[in-house]
Full PDB file with SEQRES, HELIX, SHEET, SSBOND, CRYST1, ORIGX, SCALE, CONECT and MASTER records, all heavy atoms in Angstrom:
SEQRES   1 A   37  ALA LYS GLY CYS ASP TYR VAL LEU ILE HIS ASP GLY ALA          
SEQRES   2 A   37  ARG PRO PHE LEU ASP GLU GLU MET LEU VAL ARG LEU THR          
SEQRES   3 A   37  ALA ALA LEU PRO ILE TRP ASN ALA CYS VAL VAL                  
HELIX    1 AA1 GLU A   19  TRP A   32  1                                  14    
CRYST1    1.000    1.000    1.000  90.00  90.00  90.00 P 1           1          
ORIGX1      1.000000  0.000000  0.000000        0.00000                         
ORIGX2      0.000000  1.000000  0.000000        0.00000                         
ORIGX3      0.000000  0.000000  1.000000        0.00000                         
SCALE1      1.000000  0.000000  0.000000        0.00000                         
SCALE2      0.000000  1.000000  0.000000        0.00000                         
SCALE3      0.000000  0.000000  1.000000        0.00000                         
ATOM      1  N   ALA A   1     -16.152  17.762  -0.274  1.00  0.00           N  
ATOM      2  CA  ALA A   1     -15.036  17.600   0.668  1.00  0.00           C  
ATOM      3  C   ALA A   1     -14.281  18.898   0.908  1.00  0.00           C  
ATOM      4  O   ALA A   1     -13.250  18.894   1.598  1.00  0.00           O  
ATOM      5  CB  ALA A   1     -14.076  16.532   0.134  1.00  0.00           C  
ATOM      6  N   LYS A   2     -14.772  19.990   0.363  1.00  0.00           N  
ATOM      7  CA  LYS A   2     -14.084  21.280   0.500  1.00  0.00           C  
ATOM      8  C   LYS A   2     -13.784  21.584   1.972  1.00  0.00           C  
ATOM      9  O   LYS A   2     -14.634  21.413   2.844  1.00  0.00           O  
ATOM     10  CB  LYS A   2     -14.950  22.399  -0.088  1.00  0.00           C  
ATOM     11  CG  LYS A   2     -14.273  23.750  -0.113  1.00  0.00           C  
ATOM     12  CD  LYS A   2     -15.163  24.806  -0.759  1.00  0.00           C  
ATOM     13  CE  LYS A   2     -14.458  26.165  -0.787  1.00  0.00           C  
ATOM     14  NZ  LYS A   2     -15.318  27.208  -1.415  1.00  0.00           N  
ATOM     15  N   GLY A   3     -12.547  21.987   2.231  1.00  0.00           N  
ATOM     16  CA  GLY A   3     -12.141  22.308   3.605  1.00  0.00           C  
ATOM     17  C   GLY A   3     -11.140  21.330   4.161  1.00  0.00           C  
ATOM     18  O   GLY A   3     -10.522  21.593   5.201  1.00  0.00           O  
ATOM     19  N   CYS A   4     -10.938  20.196   3.478  1.00  0.00           N  
ATOM     20  CA  CYS A   4      -9.942  19.237   3.955  1.00  0.00           C  
ATOM     21  C   CYS A   4      -8.583  19.592   3.362  1.00  0.00           C  
ATOM     22  O   CYS A   4      -8.468  20.382   2.423  1.00  0.00           O  
ATOM     23  CB  CYS A   4     -10.331  17.804   3.612  1.00  0.00           C  
ATOM     24  SG  CYS A   4     -10.241  17.410   1.865  1.00  0.00           S  
ATOM     25  N   ASP A   5      -7.528  18.986   3.931  1.00  0.00           N  
ATOM     26  CA  ASP A   5      -6.174  19.211   3.427  1.00  0.00           C  
ATOM     27  C   ASP A   5      -5.769  18.170   2.394  1.00  0.00           C  
ATOM     28  O   ASP A   5      -5.107  18.485   1.401  1.00  0.00           O  
ATOM     29  CB  ASP A   5      -5.178  19.194   4.597  1.00  0.00           C  
ATOM     30  CG  ASP A   5      -5.457  20.287   5.595  1.00  0.00           C  
ATOM     31  OD1 ASP A   5      -5.186  21.466   5.265  1.00  0.00           O  
ATOM     32  OD2 ASP A   5      -5.957  19.989   6.694  1.00  0.00           O  
ATOM     33  N   TYR A   6      -6.178  16.931   2.651  1.00  0.00           N  
ATOM     34  CA  TYR A   6      -5.849  15.817   1.750  1.00  0.00           C  
ATOM     35  C   TYR A   6      -7.105  14.996   1.510  1.00  0.00           C  
ATOM     36  O   TYR A   6      -7.970  14.873   2.383  1.00  0.00           O  
ATOM     37  CB  TYR A   6      -4.752  14.932   2.342  1.00  0.00           C  
ATOM     38  CG  TYR A   6      -3.436  15.644   2.539  1.00  0.00           C  
ATOM     39  CD1 TYR A   6      -3.047  16.074   3.807  1.00  0.00           C  
ATOM     40  CD2 TYR A   6      -2.572  15.872   1.465  1.00  0.00           C  
ATOM     41  CE1 TYR A   6      -1.841  16.735   4.001  1.00  0.00           C  
ATOM     42  CE2 TYR A   6      -1.363  16.541   1.640  1.00  0.00           C  
ATOM     43  CZ  TYR A   6      -1.005  16.957   2.907  1.00  0.00           C  
ATOM     44  OH  TYR A   6       0.187  17.613   3.089  1.00  0.00           O  
ATOM     45  N   VAL A   7      -7.179  14.407   0.323  1.00  0.00           N  
ATOM     46  CA  VAL A   7      -8.346  13.613  -0.030  1.00  0.00           C  
ATOM     47  C   VAL A   7      -7.898  12.282  -0.619  1.00  0.00           C  
ATOM     48  O   VAL A   7      -6.943  12.214  -1.388  1.00  0.00           O  
ATOM     49  CB  VAL A   7      -9.270  14.382  -0.998  1.00  0.00           C  
ATOM     50  CG1 VAL A   7      -8.557  14.695  -2.313  1.00  0.00           C  
ATOM     51  CG2 VAL A   7     -10.546  13.626  -1.287  1.00  0.00           C  
ATOM     52  N   LEU A   8      -8.566  11.208  -0.209  1.00  0.00           N  
ATOM     53  CA  LEU A   8      -8.343   9.877  -0.749  1.00  0.00           C  
ATOM     54  C   LEU A   8      -9.606   9.469  -1.497  1.00  0.00           C  
ATOM     55  O   LEU A   8     -10.708   9.541  -0.947  1.00  0.00           O  
ATOM     56  CB  LEU A   8      -8.066   8.848   0.351  1.00  0.00           C  
ATOM     57  CG  LEU A   8      -6.695   8.909   1.062  1.00  0.00           C  
ATOM     58  CD1 LEU A   8      -6.656  10.052   2.060  1.00  0.00           C  
ATOM     59  CD2 LEU A   8      -6.418   7.591   1.783  1.00  0.00           C  
ATOM     60  N   ILE A   9      -9.445   9.077  -2.762  1.00  0.00           N  
ATOM     61  CA  ILE A   9     -10.575   8.726  -3.620  1.00  0.00           C  
ATOM     62  C   ILE A   9     -10.567   7.214  -3.821  1.00  0.00           C  
ATOM     63  O   ILE A   9      -9.591   6.673  -4.331  1.00  0.00           O  
ATOM     64  CB  ILE A   9     -10.509   9.470  -4.963  1.00  0.00           C  
ATOM     65  CG1 ILE A   9     -10.426  10.992  -4.709  1.00  0.00           C  
ATOM     66  CG2 ILE A   9     -11.704   9.128  -5.828  1.00  0.00           C  
ATOM     67  CD1 ILE A   9     -10.028  11.790  -5.939  1.00  0.00           C  
ATOM     68  N   HIS A  10     -11.671   6.560  -3.430  1.00  0.00           N  
ATOM     69  CA  HIS A  10     -11.696   5.097  -3.452  1.00  0.00           C  
ATOM     70  C   HIS A  10     -12.956   4.586  -4.117  1.00  0.00           C  
ATOM     71  O   HIS A  10     -14.057   5.130  -3.929  1.00  0.00           O  
ATOM     72  CB  HIS A  10     -11.632   4.558  -2.014  1.00  0.00           C  
ATOM     73  CG  HIS A  10     -11.555   3.064  -1.946  1.00  0.00           C  
ATOM     74  ND1 HIS A  10     -10.497   2.354  -2.463  1.00  0.00           N  
ATOM     75  CD2 HIS A  10     -12.400   2.138  -1.423  1.00  0.00           C  
ATOM     76  CE1 HIS A  10     -10.695   1.055  -2.263  1.00  0.00           C  
ATOM     77  NE2 HIS A  10     -11.846   0.893  -1.653  1.00  0.00           N  
ATOM     78  N   ASP A  11     -12.802   3.527  -4.909  1.00  0.00           N  
ATOM     79  CA  ASP A  11     -13.945   2.884  -5.542  1.00  0.00           C  
ATOM     80  C   ASP A  11     -14.600   1.944  -4.536  1.00  0.00           C  
ATOM     81  O   ASP A  11     -13.950   1.026  -4.021  1.00  0.00           O  
ATOM     82  CB  ASP A  11     -13.505   2.081  -6.765  1.00  0.00           C  
ATOM     83  CG  ASP A  11     -13.044   2.979  -7.907  1.00  0.00           C  
ATOM     84  OD1 ASP A  11     -13.637   4.053  -8.081  1.00  0.00           O  
ATOM     85  OD2 ASP A  11     -12.099   2.605  -8.631  1.00  0.00           O  
ATOM     86  N   GLY A  12     -15.891   2.148  -4.288  1.00  0.00           N  
ATOM     87  CA  GLY A  12     -16.602   1.311  -3.333  1.00  0.00           C  
ATOM     88  C   GLY A  12     -16.689  -0.145  -3.751  1.00  0.00           C  
ATOM     89  O   GLY A  12     -16.982  -1.029  -2.934  1.00  0.00           O  
ATOM     90  N   ALA A  13     -16.422  -0.430  -5.048  1.00  0.00           N  
ATOM     91  CA  ALA A  13     -16.446  -1.794  -5.542  1.00  0.00           C  
ATOM     92  C   ALA A  13     -15.124  -2.514  -5.297  1.00  0.00           C  
ATOM     93  O   ALA A  13     -14.930  -3.636  -5.757  1.00  0.00           O  
ATOM     94  CB  ALA A  13     -16.774  -1.820  -7.029  1.00  0.00           C  
ATOM     95  N   ARG A  14     -14.195  -1.874  -4.572  1.00  0.00           N  
ATOM     96  CA  ARG A  14     -12.961  -2.535  -4.122  1.00  0.00           C  
ATOM     97  C   ARG A  14     -13.080  -2.774  -2.627  1.00  0.00           C  
ATOM     98  O   ARG A  14     -12.720  -1.912  -1.815  1.00  0.00           O  
ATOM     99  CB  ARG A  14     -11.739  -1.669  -4.428  1.00  0.00           C  
ATOM    100  CG  ARG A  14     -11.392  -1.553  -5.892  1.00  0.00           C  
ATOM    101  CD  ARG A  14     -10.079  -0.822  -6.092  1.00  0.00           C  
ATOM    102  NE  ARG A  14      -9.822  -0.554  -7.503  1.00  0.00           N  
ATOM    103  CZ  ARG A  14      -9.175  -1.379  -8.327  1.00  0.00           C  
ATOM    104  NH1 ARG A  14      -8.699  -2.512  -7.868  1.00  0.00           N  
ATOM    105  NH2 ARG A  14      -8.982  -1.043  -9.598  1.00  0.00           N  
ATOM    106  N   PRO A  15     -13.562  -3.937  -2.213  1.00  0.00           N  
ATOM    107  CA  PRO A  15     -13.850  -4.158  -0.799  1.00  0.00           C  
ATOM    108  C   PRO A  15     -12.642  -4.488   0.064  1.00  0.00           C  
ATOM    109  O   PRO A  15     -12.743  -4.489   1.294  1.00  0.00           O  
ATOM    110  CB  PRO A  15     -14.817  -5.362  -0.824  1.00  0.00           C  
ATOM    111  CG  PRO A  15     -14.449  -6.091  -2.076  1.00  0.00           C  
ATOM    112  CD  PRO A  15     -14.035  -5.035  -3.069  1.00  0.00           C  
ATOM    113  N   PHE A  16     -11.469  -4.764  -0.559  1.00  0.00           N  
ATOM    114  CA  PHE A  16     -10.354  -5.261   0.225  1.00  0.00           C  
ATOM    115  C   PHE A  16      -9.292  -4.210   0.510  1.00  0.00           C  
ATOM    116  O   PHE A  16      -8.102  -4.513   0.627  1.00  0.00           O  
ATOM    117  CB  PHE A  16      -9.757  -6.500  -0.443  1.00  0.00           C  
ATOM    118  CG  PHE A  16     -10.757  -7.630  -0.527  1.00  0.00           C  
ATOM    119  CD1 PHE A  16     -11.185  -8.096  -1.747  1.00  0.00           C  
ATOM    120  CD2 PHE A  16     -11.297  -8.174   0.634  1.00  0.00           C  
ATOM    121  CE1 PHE A  16     -12.123  -9.120  -1.828  1.00  0.00           C  
ATOM    122  CE2 PHE A  16     -12.238  -9.194   0.566  1.00  0.00           C  
ATOM    123  CZ  PHE A  16     -12.652  -9.655  -0.659  1.00  0.00           C  
ATOM    124  N   LEU A  17      -9.697  -2.970   0.626  1.00  0.00           N  
ATOM    125  CA  LEU A  17      -8.869  -1.924   1.190  1.00  0.00           C  
ATOM    126  C   LEU A  17      -8.465  -2.351   2.600  1.00  0.00           C  
ATOM    127  O   LEU A  17      -9.255  -2.974   3.324  1.00  0.00           O  
ATOM    128  CB  LEU A  17      -9.692  -0.621   1.269  1.00  0.00           C  
ATOM    129  CG  LEU A  17      -9.105   0.563   2.035  1.00  0.00           C  
ATOM    130  CD1 LEU A  17      -7.874   1.097   1.338  1.00  0.00           C  
ATOM    131  CD2 LEU A  17     -10.170   1.652   2.190  1.00  0.00           C  
ATOM    132  N   ASP A  18      -7.235  -2.040   3.008  1.00  0.00           N  
ATOM    133  CA  ASP A  18      -6.837  -2.367   4.379  1.00  0.00           C  
ATOM    134  C   ASP A  18      -6.052  -1.217   5.012  1.00  0.00           C  
ATOM    135  O   ASP A  18      -5.644  -0.279   4.325  1.00  0.00           O  
ATOM    136  CB  ASP A  18      -6.059  -3.694   4.445  1.00  0.00           C  
ATOM    137  CG  ASP A  18      -4.775  -3.678   3.609  1.00  0.00           C  
ATOM    138  OD1 ASP A  18      -4.069  -2.653   3.608  1.00  0.00           O  
ATOM    139  OD2 ASP A  18      -4.475  -4.717   2.973  1.00  0.00           O  
ATOM    140  N   GLU A  19      -5.858  -1.319   6.311  1.00  0.00           N  
ATOM    141  CA  GLU A  19      -5.212  -0.256   7.065  1.00  0.00           C  
ATOM    142  C   GLU A  19      -3.761  -0.045   6.615  1.00  0.00           C  
ATOM    143  O   GLU A  19      -3.275   1.088   6.588  1.00  0.00           O  
ATOM    144  CB  GLU A  19      -5.255  -0.578   8.564  1.00  0.00           C  
ATOM    145  CG  GLU A  19      -4.547   0.419   9.463  1.00  0.00           C  
ATOM    146  CD  GLU A  19      -5.193   1.796   9.504  1.00  0.00           C  
ATOM    147  OE1 GLU A  19      -6.332   1.949   9.006  1.00  0.00           O  
ATOM    148  OE2 GLU A  19      -4.571   2.731  10.050  1.00  0.00           O  
ATOM    149  N   GLU A  20      -3.088  -1.115   6.244  1.00  0.00           N  
ATOM    150  CA  GLU A  20      -1.687  -1.002   5.817  1.00  0.00           C  
ATOM    151  C   GLU A  20      -1.575  -0.099   4.581  1.00  0.00           C  
ATOM    152  O   GLU A  20      -0.639   0.701   4.469  1.00  0.00           O  
ATOM    153  CB  GLU A  20      -1.099  -2.384   5.520  1.00  0.00           C  
ATOM    154  CG  GLU A  20      -0.840  -3.234   6.745  1.00  0.00           C  
ATOM    155  CD  GLU A  20      -2.105  -3.812   7.363  1.00  0.00           C  
ATOM    156  OE1 GLU A  20      -3.138  -3.884   6.641  1.00  0.00           O  
ATOM    157  OE2 GLU A  20      -2.086  -4.170   8.543  1.00  0.00           O  
ATOM    158  N   MET A  21      -2.508  -0.211   3.657  1.00  0.00           N  
ATOM    159  CA  MET A  21      -2.503   0.675   2.488  1.00  0.00           C  
ATOM    160  C   MET A  21      -2.681   2.126   2.904  1.00  0.00           C  
ATOM    161  O   MET A  21      -2.010   3.018   2.385  1.00  0.00           O  
ATOM    162  CB  MET A  21      -3.623   0.279   1.522  1.00  0.00           C  
ATOM    163  CG  MET A  21      -3.313  -0.845   0.578  1.00  0.00           C  
ATOM    164  SD  MET A  21      -4.694  -1.115  -0.550  1.00  0.00           S  
ATOM    165  CE  MET A  21      -5.133  -2.791  -0.117  1.00  0.00           C  
ATOM    166  N   LEU A  22      -3.601   2.348   3.817  1.00  0.00           N  
ATOM    167  CA  LEU A  22      -3.861   3.711   4.287  1.00  0.00           C  
ATOM    168  C   LEU A  22      -2.625   4.298   4.962  1.00  0.00           C  
ATOM    169  O   LEU A  22      -2.305   5.481   4.780  1.00  0.00           O  
ATOM    170  CB  LEU A  22      -5.051   3.736   5.240  1.00  0.00           C  
ATOM    171  CG  LEU A  22      -6.409   3.351   4.644  1.00  0.00           C  
ATOM    172  CD1 LEU A  22      -7.473   3.372   5.753  1.00  0.00           C  
ATOM    173  CD2 LEU A  22      -6.797   4.288   3.515  1.00  0.00           C  
ATOM    174  N   VAL A  23      -1.931   3.483   5.728  1.00  0.00           N  
ATOM    175  CA  VAL A  23      -0.704   3.936   6.403  1.00  0.00           C  
ATOM    176  C   VAL A  23       0.346   4.331   5.375  1.00  0.00           C  
ATOM    177  O   VAL A  23       0.976   5.403   5.475  1.00  0.00           O  
ATOM    178  CB  VAL A  23      -0.165   2.843   7.342  1.00  0.00           C  
ATOM    179  CG1 VAL A  23       1.238   3.211   7.833  1.00  0.00           C  
ATOM    180  CG2 VAL A  23      -1.095   2.644   8.529  1.00  0.00           C  
ATOM    181  N   ARG A  24       0.549   3.484   4.372  1.00  0.00           N  
ATOM    182  CA  ARG A  24       1.565   3.783   3.356  1.00  0.00           C  
ATOM    183  C   ARG A  24       1.201   5.038   2.560  1.00  0.00           C  
ATOM    184  O   ARG A  24       2.052   5.885   2.268  1.00  0.00           O  
ATOM    185  CB  ARG A  24       1.727   2.578   2.409  1.00  0.00           C  
ATOM    186  CG  ARG A  24       2.379   1.377   3.042  1.00  0.00           C  
ATOM    187  CD  ARG A  24       2.791   0.334   2.021  1.00  0.00           C  
ATOM    188  NE  ARG A  24       1.667  -0.327   1.382  1.00  0.00           N  
ATOM    189  CZ  ARG A  24       1.084  -1.441   1.829  1.00  0.00           C  
ATOM    190  NH1 ARG A  24       1.494  -1.988   2.970  1.00  0.00           N  
ATOM    191  NH2 ARG A  24       0.092  -2.013   1.174  1.00  0.00           N  
ATOM    192  N   LEU A  25      -0.075   5.172   2.211  1.00  0.00           N  
ATOM    193  CA  LEU A  25      -0.522   6.334   1.446  1.00  0.00           C  
ATOM    194  C   LEU A  25      -0.369   7.632   2.239  1.00  0.00           C  
ATOM    195  O   LEU A  25       0.183   8.616   1.732  1.00  0.00           O  
ATOM    196  CB  LEU A  25      -1.982   6.161   1.043  1.00  0.00           C  
ATOM    197  CG  LEU A  25      -2.309   5.527  -0.299  1.00  0.00           C  
ATOM    198  CD1 LEU A  25      -3.816   5.384  -0.443  1.00  0.00           C  
ATOM    199  CD2 LEU A  25      -1.740   6.346  -1.455  1.00  0.00           C  
ATOM    200  N   THR A  26      -0.865   7.632   3.442  1.00  0.00           N  
ATOM    201  CA  THR A  26      -0.875   8.880   4.228  1.00  0.00           C  
ATOM    202  C   THR A  26       0.525   9.263   4.701  1.00  0.00           C  
ATOM    203  O   THR A  26       0.779  10.440   4.972  1.00  0.00           O  
ATOM    204  CB  THR A  26      -1.833   8.776   5.438  1.00  0.00           C  
ATOM    205  OG1 THR A  26      -1.497   7.616   6.208  1.00  0.00           O  
ATOM    206  CG2 THR A  26      -3.277   8.665   4.965  1.00  0.00           C  
ATOM    207  N   ALA A  27       1.437   8.296   4.778  1.00  0.00           N  
ATOM    208  CA  ALA A  27       2.825   8.613   5.119  1.00  0.00           C  
ATOM    209  C   ALA A  27       3.525   9.303   3.937  1.00  0.00           C  
ATOM    210  O   ALA A  27       4.333  10.223   4.124  1.00  0.00           O  
ATOM    211  CB  ALA A  27       3.588   7.341   5.499  1.00  0.00           C  
ATOM    212  N   ALA A  28       3.209   8.876   2.718  1.00  0.00           N  
ATOM    213  CA  ALA A  28       3.856   9.424   1.535  1.00  0.00           C  
ATOM    214  C   ALA A  28       3.199  10.709   1.039  1.00  0.00           C  
ATOM    215  O   ALA A  28       3.836  11.538   0.378  1.00  0.00           O  
ATOM    216  CB  ALA A  28       3.841   8.396   0.409  1.00  0.00           C  
ATOM    217  N   LEU A  29       1.944  10.893   1.351  1.00  0.00           N  
ATOM    218  CA  LEU A  29       1.151  11.990   0.771  1.00  0.00           C  
ATOM    219  C   LEU A  29       1.698  13.379   1.070  1.00  0.00           C  
ATOM    220  O   LEU A  29       1.798  14.208   0.134  1.00  0.00           O  
ATOM    221  CB  LEU A  29      -0.297  11.852   1.235  1.00  0.00           C  
ATOM    222  CG  LEU A  29      -1.343  12.703   0.526  1.00  0.00           C  
ATOM    223  CD1 LEU A  29      -1.242  12.611  -0.979  1.00  0.00           C  
ATOM    224  CD2 LEU A  29      -2.740  12.292   0.983  1.00  0.00           C  
ATOM    225  N   PRO A  30       2.096  13.713   2.307  1.00  0.00           N  
ATOM    226  CA  PRO A  30       2.632  15.062   2.548  1.00  0.00           C  
ATOM    227  C   PRO A  30       3.954  15.325   1.818  1.00  0.00           C  
ATOM    228  O   PRO A  30       4.309  16.492   1.612  1.00  0.00           O  
ATOM    229  CB  PRO A  30       2.834  15.088   4.073  1.00  0.00           C  
ATOM    230  CG  PRO A  30       1.900  14.026   4.599  1.00  0.00           C  
ATOM    231  CD  PRO A  30       1.917  12.953   3.564  1.00  0.00           C  
ATOM    232  N   ILE A  31       4.644  14.257   1.424  1.00  0.00           N  
ATOM    233  CA  ILE A  31       5.919  14.405   0.712  1.00  0.00           C  
ATOM    234  C   ILE A  31       5.693  14.602  -0.787  1.00  0.00           C  
ATOM    235  O   ILE A  31       6.282  15.480  -1.424  1.00  0.00           O  
ATOM    236  CB  ILE A  31       6.813  13.183   0.944  1.00  0.00           C  
ATOM    237  CG1 ILE A  31       7.073  12.993   2.441  1.00  0.00           C  
ATOM    238  CG2 ILE A  31       8.118  13.287   0.154  1.00  0.00           C  
ATOM    239  CD1 ILE A  31       7.724  11.661   2.777  1.00  0.00           C  
ATOM    240  N   TRP A  32       4.779  13.776  -1.352  1.00  0.00           N  
ATOM    241  CA  TRP A  32       4.615  13.733  -2.804  1.00  0.00           C  
ATOM    242  C   TRP A  32       3.396  14.495  -3.308  1.00  0.00           C  
ATOM    243  O   TRP A  32       3.314  14.848  -4.482  1.00  0.00           O  
ATOM    244  CB  TRP A  32       4.511  12.274  -3.271  1.00  0.00           C  
ATOM    245  CG  TRP A  32       5.785  11.535  -3.065  1.00  0.00           C  
ATOM    246  CD1 TRP A  32       6.117  10.731  -2.002  1.00  0.00           C  
ATOM    247  CD2 TRP A  32       6.919  11.550  -3.921  1.00  0.00           C  
ATOM    248  NE1 TRP A  32       7.380  10.224  -2.156  1.00  0.00           N  
ATOM    249  CE2 TRP A  32       7.894  10.719  -3.319  1.00  0.00           C  
ATOM    250  CE3 TRP A  32       7.220  12.165  -5.138  1.00  0.00           C  
ATOM    251  CZ2 TRP A  32       9.159  10.499  -3.902  1.00  0.00           C  
ATOM    252  CZ3 TRP A  32       8.464  11.953  -5.727  1.00  0.00           C  
ATOM    253  CH2 TRP A  32       9.408  11.122  -5.103  1.00  0.00           C  
ATOM    254  N   ASN A  33       2.401  14.723  -2.466  1.00  0.00           N  
ATOM    255  CA  ASN A  33       1.166  15.452  -2.812  1.00  0.00           C  
ATOM    256  C   ASN A  33       0.224  14.710  -3.738  1.00  0.00           C  
ATOM    257  O   ASN A  33      -0.935  15.105  -3.894  1.00  0.00           O  
ATOM    258  CB  ASN A  33       1.489  16.823  -3.411  1.00  0.00           C  
ATOM    259  CG  ASN A  33       2.183  17.739  -2.424  1.00  0.00           C  
ATOM    260  OD1 ASN A  33       1.825  17.787  -1.257  1.00  0.00           O  
ATOM    261  ND2 ASN A  33       3.197  18.437  -2.885  1.00  0.00           N  
ATOM    262  N   ALA A  34       0.694  13.660  -4.382  1.00  0.00           N  
ATOM    263  CA  ALA A  34      -0.143  12.840  -5.260  1.00  0.00           C  
ATOM    264  C   ALA A  34       0.394  11.410  -5.233  1.00  0.00           C  
ATOM    265  O   ALA A  34       1.555  11.185  -5.606  1.00  0.00           O  
ATOM    266  CB  ALA A  34      -0.130  13.389  -6.685  1.00  0.00           C  
ATOM    267  N   CYS A  35      -0.422  10.476  -4.759  1.00  0.00           N  
ATOM    268  CA  CYS A  35       0.005   9.085  -4.613  1.00  0.00           C  
ATOM    269  C   CYS A  35      -1.125   8.151  -5.012  1.00  0.00           C  
ATOM    270  O   CYS A  35      -2.293   8.442  -4.747  1.00  0.00           O  
ATOM    271  CB  CYS A  35       0.371   8.766  -3.168  1.00  0.00           C  
ATOM    272  SG  CYS A  35       1.608   9.835  -2.420  1.00  0.00           S  
ATOM    273  N   VAL A  36      -0.773   7.024  -5.633  1.00  0.00           N  
ATOM    274  CA  VAL A  36      -1.768   6.021  -5.958  1.00  0.00           C  
ATOM    275  C   VAL A  36      -1.251   4.638  -5.568  1.00  0.00           C  
ATOM    276  O   VAL A  36      -0.064   4.387  -5.656  1.00  0.00           O  
ATOM    277  CB  VAL A  36      -2.124   6.027  -7.471  1.00  0.00           C  
ATOM    278  CG1 VAL A  36      -2.701   7.356  -7.892  1.00  0.00           C  
ATOM    279  CG2 VAL A  36      -0.920   5.678  -8.336  1.00  0.00           C  
ATOM    280  N   VAL A  37      -2.165   3.772  -5.139  1.00  0.00           N  
ATOM    281  CA  VAL A  37      -1.756   2.407  -4.858  1.00  0.00           C  
ATOM    282  C   VAL A  37      -1.896   1.568  -6.133  1.00  0.00           C  
ATOM    283  O   VAL A  37      -2.736   1.845  -6.987  1.00  0.00           O  
ATOM    284  CB  VAL A  37      -2.564   1.753  -3.711  1.00  0.00           C  
ATOM    285  CG1 VAL A  37      -2.333   2.489  -2.403  1.00  0.00           C  
ATOM    286  CG2 VAL A  37      -4.047   1.680  -4.036  1.00  0.00           C  
TER     287      VAL A  37                                                      
MASTER        0    0    0    1    0    0    0    6  286    1    0    3          
END                                                                             
């Protein structure tokens, strides 16, 4: 993934990821630099 600004690491065995989680994470990420759901 070298070359990106931010990275999200997800377990493929968690099938119920949703857009709302992504919105909350990516909104907080530039402020905190490290976020987990």
